[in-house]
Amino acid sequence: MRHVFGFVIGAVVTIAVVFGAGWATQDAVQGAVKLVAPVDDGRVLAAIGVMALIGLIIGLVLVGRISPLATFVPSMVLLAWTVVYALDVTRAMSLAPVGPAVQRDLAQAGRGMETLLSSGVFAMLGVALFLPVFMPSRWASRRGDDAGFEETPDQSYY
């Protein structure tokens, strides 16, 4: 059951990283280009807050003792998209939701996705999220850790 829960958490982390970071990247980059102080522009401040929240989510998933699927799912999405980008840039960029028919904030997230993909940030996050999969302790059940352990006082000390 914990692997099902881990898969769901992995899907949520994937959506947060891809869409949330994509949206936040566009506002942060626009603020940096215009040399706007974050305290003067609410959208830039919100973008930095969203990035901090996404960093917190990624950090909790990386260090938490949950199913390795919570990191495996987003890592595979990010790494697969990076491989597609390396093989065919046009096809990889067509996966981002941009264009006139897309809602404005979603199109902004799509442009941010393209920025993160082309700059290698998605590749870097994909590798970082893939590493916990190699830790054997993350695959083991917690119930197996305490099996046969009883807390009885040792009589030799008394």
Protein backbone atom coordinates (compact mmCIF):
# COMPACT_ATOMS: atom_id res chain seq x y z
CA MET A 1 0.00 0.00 0.00
CA ARG A 2 2.86 2.38 0.69
CA HIS A 3 4.07 2.04 -2.90
CA VAL A 4 0.63 3.11 -4.17
CA PHE A 5 0.82 6.09 -1.82
CA GLY A 6 4.36 6.76 -3.06
CA PHE A 7 3.19 6.68 -6.67
CA VAL A 8 0.47 9.24 -5.89
CA ILE A 9 2.99 11.47 -4.10
CA GLY A 10 5.31 11.10 -7.10
CA ALA A 11 2.55 12.26 -9.45
CA VAL A 12 1.86 15.29 -7.24
CA VAL A 13 5.59 16.13 -7.08
CA THR A 14 5.80 15.81 -10.87
CA ILE A 15 2.92 18.23 -11.38
CA ALA A 16 4.35 20.67 -8.83
CA VAL A 17 7.80 20.64 -10.39
CA VAL A 18 6.72 20.81 -14.01
CA PHE A 19 3.83 23.25 -13.81
CA GLY A 20 4.65 25.17 -10.63
CA ALA A 21 8.30 25.70 -11.38
CA GLY A 22 7.48 26.49 -15.00
CA TRP A 23 5.03 29.20 -13.98
CA ALA A 24 7.31 30.63 -11.30
CA THR A 25 10.34 30.65 -13.58
CA GLN A 26 8.68 32.97 -16.07
CA ASP A 27 7.76 35.57 -13.46
CA ALA A 28 11.17 35.38 -11.77
CA VAL A 29 13.02 35.71 -15.08
CA GLN A 30 10.87 38.65 -16.16
CA GLY A 31 11.55 40.36 -12.84
CA ALA A 32 15.28 39.73 -13.18
CA VAL A 33 15.37 41.07 -16.74
CA LYS A 34 13.53 44.23 -15.72
CA LEU A 35 15.72 44.57 -12.57
CA VAL A 36 12.64 44.68 -10.36
CA ALA A 37 13.11 44.14 -6.63
CA PRO A 38 10.91 41.26 -5.44
CA VAL A 39 9.39 43.40 -2.67
CA ASP A 40 8.25 45.94 -5.28
CA ASP A 41 6.47 43.41 -7.50
CA GLY A 42 4.03 40.95 -5.99
CA ARG A 43 4.26 38.48 -8.90
CA VAL A 44 8.04 38.19 -8.55
CA LEU A 45 7.69 37.70 -4.80
CA ALA A 46 5.00 35.05 -5.37
CA ALA A 47 7.24 33.31 -7.92
CA ILE A 48 10.10 33.14 -5.42
CA GLY A 49 7.70 31.80 -2.80
CA VAL A 50 6.42 29.12 -5.18
CA MET A 51 10.00 28.09 -5.99
CA ALA A 52 10.80 27.87 -2.27
CA LEU A 53 7.69 25.73 -1.71
CA ILE A 54 8.64 23.42 -4.57
CA GLY A 55 12.15 23.15 -3.13
CA LEU A 56 10.64 22.20 0.23
CA ILE A 57 8.45 19.54 -1.39
CA ILE A 58 11.41 18.09 -3.29
CA GLY A 59 13.54 18.12 -0.14
CA LEU A 60 10.88 16.36 1.92
CA VAL A 61 10.44 13.68 -0.73
CA LEU A 62 14.20 13.18 -1.01
CA VAL A 63 14.83 12.75 2.72
CA GLY A 64 11.51 11.26 3.78
CA ARG A 65 11.15 7.56 4.42
CA ILE A 66 8.37 6.88 1.97
CA SER A 67 8.24 4.68 -1.07
CA PRO A 68 11.02 5.23 -3.61
CA LEU A 69 8.28 5.64 -6.21
CA ALA A 70 7.74 9.14 -4.81
CA THR A 71 11.07 10.15 -6.33
CA PHE A 72 11.17 7.64 -9.18
CA VAL A 73 8.03 8.92 -10.94
CA PRO A 74 9.11 12.58 -11.23
CA SER A 75 12.68 11.61 -12.05
CA MET A 76 11.57 9.44 -14.96
CA VAL A 77 9.29 12.17 -16.33
CA LEU A 78 12.04 14.80 -16.13
CA LEU A 79 14.79 12.53 -17.48
CA ALA A 80 12.62 11.17 -20.28
CA TRP A 81 11.68 14.68 -21.35
CA THR A 82 15.37 15.64 -21.28
CA VAL A 83 16.28 12.65 -23.47
CA VAL A 84 13.55 13.60 -25.94
CA TYR A 85 14.96 17.15 -25.92
CA ALA A 86 18.47 15.86 -26.63
CA LEU A 87 17.22 13.74 -29.54
CA ASP A 88 14.57 16.04 -31.04
CA VAL A 89 14.25 19.61 -29.77
CA THR A 90 11.09 20.36 -31.74
CA ARG A 91 9.22 17.34 -30.41
CA ALA A 92 10.31 18.03 -26.83
CA MET A 93 9.23 21.66 -27.02
CA SER A 94 5.88 20.66 -28.51
CA LEU A 95 5.07 18.84 -25.25
CA ALA A 96 4.90 22.14 -23.34
CA PRO A 97 1.45 23.78 -23.36
CA VAL A 98 2.08 27.02 -25.23
CA GLY A 99 0.13 28.73 -27.95
CA PRO A 100 -2.78 31.08 -28.49
CA ALA A 101 -5.46 28.51 -27.57
CA VAL A 102 -3.99 27.85 -24.12
CA GLN A 103 -5.08 29.80 -21.03
CA ARG A 104 -2.63 32.61 -20.16
CA ASP A 105 -1.22 31.23 -16.89
CA LEU A 106 -0.89 27.73 -18.36
CA ALA A 107 0.92 29.16 -21.39
CA GLN A 108 3.23 31.02 -19.01
CA ALA A 109 3.95 27.73 -17.24
CA GLY A 110 4.63 26.14 -20.63
CA ARG A 111 7.17 28.82 -21.54
CA GLY A 112 8.79 28.29 -18.15
CA MET A 113 8.92 24.54 -18.79
CA GLU A 114 10.74 25.23 -22.05
CA THR A 115 13.20 27.45 -20.20
CA LEU A 116 13.86 24.85 -17.49
CA LEU A 117 14.18 22.07 -20.06
CA SER A 118 16.55 23.91 -22.36
CA SER A 119 18.71 25.16 -19.49
CA GLY A 120 19.19 21.67 -18.07
CA VAL A 121 17.40 22.27 -14.77
CA PHE A 122 14.96 19.41 -15.45
CA ALA A 123 17.89 17.08 -16.13
CA MET A 124 19.58 18.11 -12.89
CA LEU A 125 16.40 17.61 -10.84
CA GLY A 126 15.74 14.30 -12.58
CA VAL A 127 19.14 12.93 -11.60
CA ALA A 128 18.79 14.21 -8.02
CA LEU A 129 15.35 12.63 -7.68
CA PHE A 130 16.59 9.34 -9.15
CA LEU A 131 19.36 8.74 -6.61
CA PRO A 132 17.11 7.68 -3.67
CA VAL A 133 15.86 4.78 -5.80
CA PHE A 134 19.25 3.10 -5.27
CA MET A 135 18.94 3.11 -1.46
CA PRO A 136 17.87 -0.37 -0.36
CA SER A 137 16.45 0.95 2.91
CA ARG A 138 13.77 2.84 1.01
CA TRP A 139 12.41 -0.36 -0.52
CA ALA A 140 12.21 -2.24 2.81
CA SER A 141 9.06 -2.15 4.86
CA ARG A 142 9.09 -0.40 8.23
CA ARG A 143 7.38 -3.35 9.88
CA GLY A 144 10.38 -5.52 9.05
CA ASP A 145 12.68 -3.21 10.97
CA ASP A 146 11.18 -3.97 14.38
CA ALA A 147 10.19 -7.60 13.82
CA GLY A 148 10.96 -9.74 16.83
CA PHE A 149 12.09 -6.82 18.97
CA GLU A 150 10.65 -6.79 22.47
CA GLU A 151 11.26 -4.14 25.05
CA THR A 152 11.86 -6.18 28.16
CA PRO A 153 14.38 -5.12 30.74
CA ASP A 154 17.50 -7.20 31.01
CA GLN A 155 17.54 -8.85 34.43
CA SER A 156 21.33 -8.91 34.61
CA TYR A 157 21.47 -5.19 35.37
CA TYR A 158 19.38 -5.40 38.50
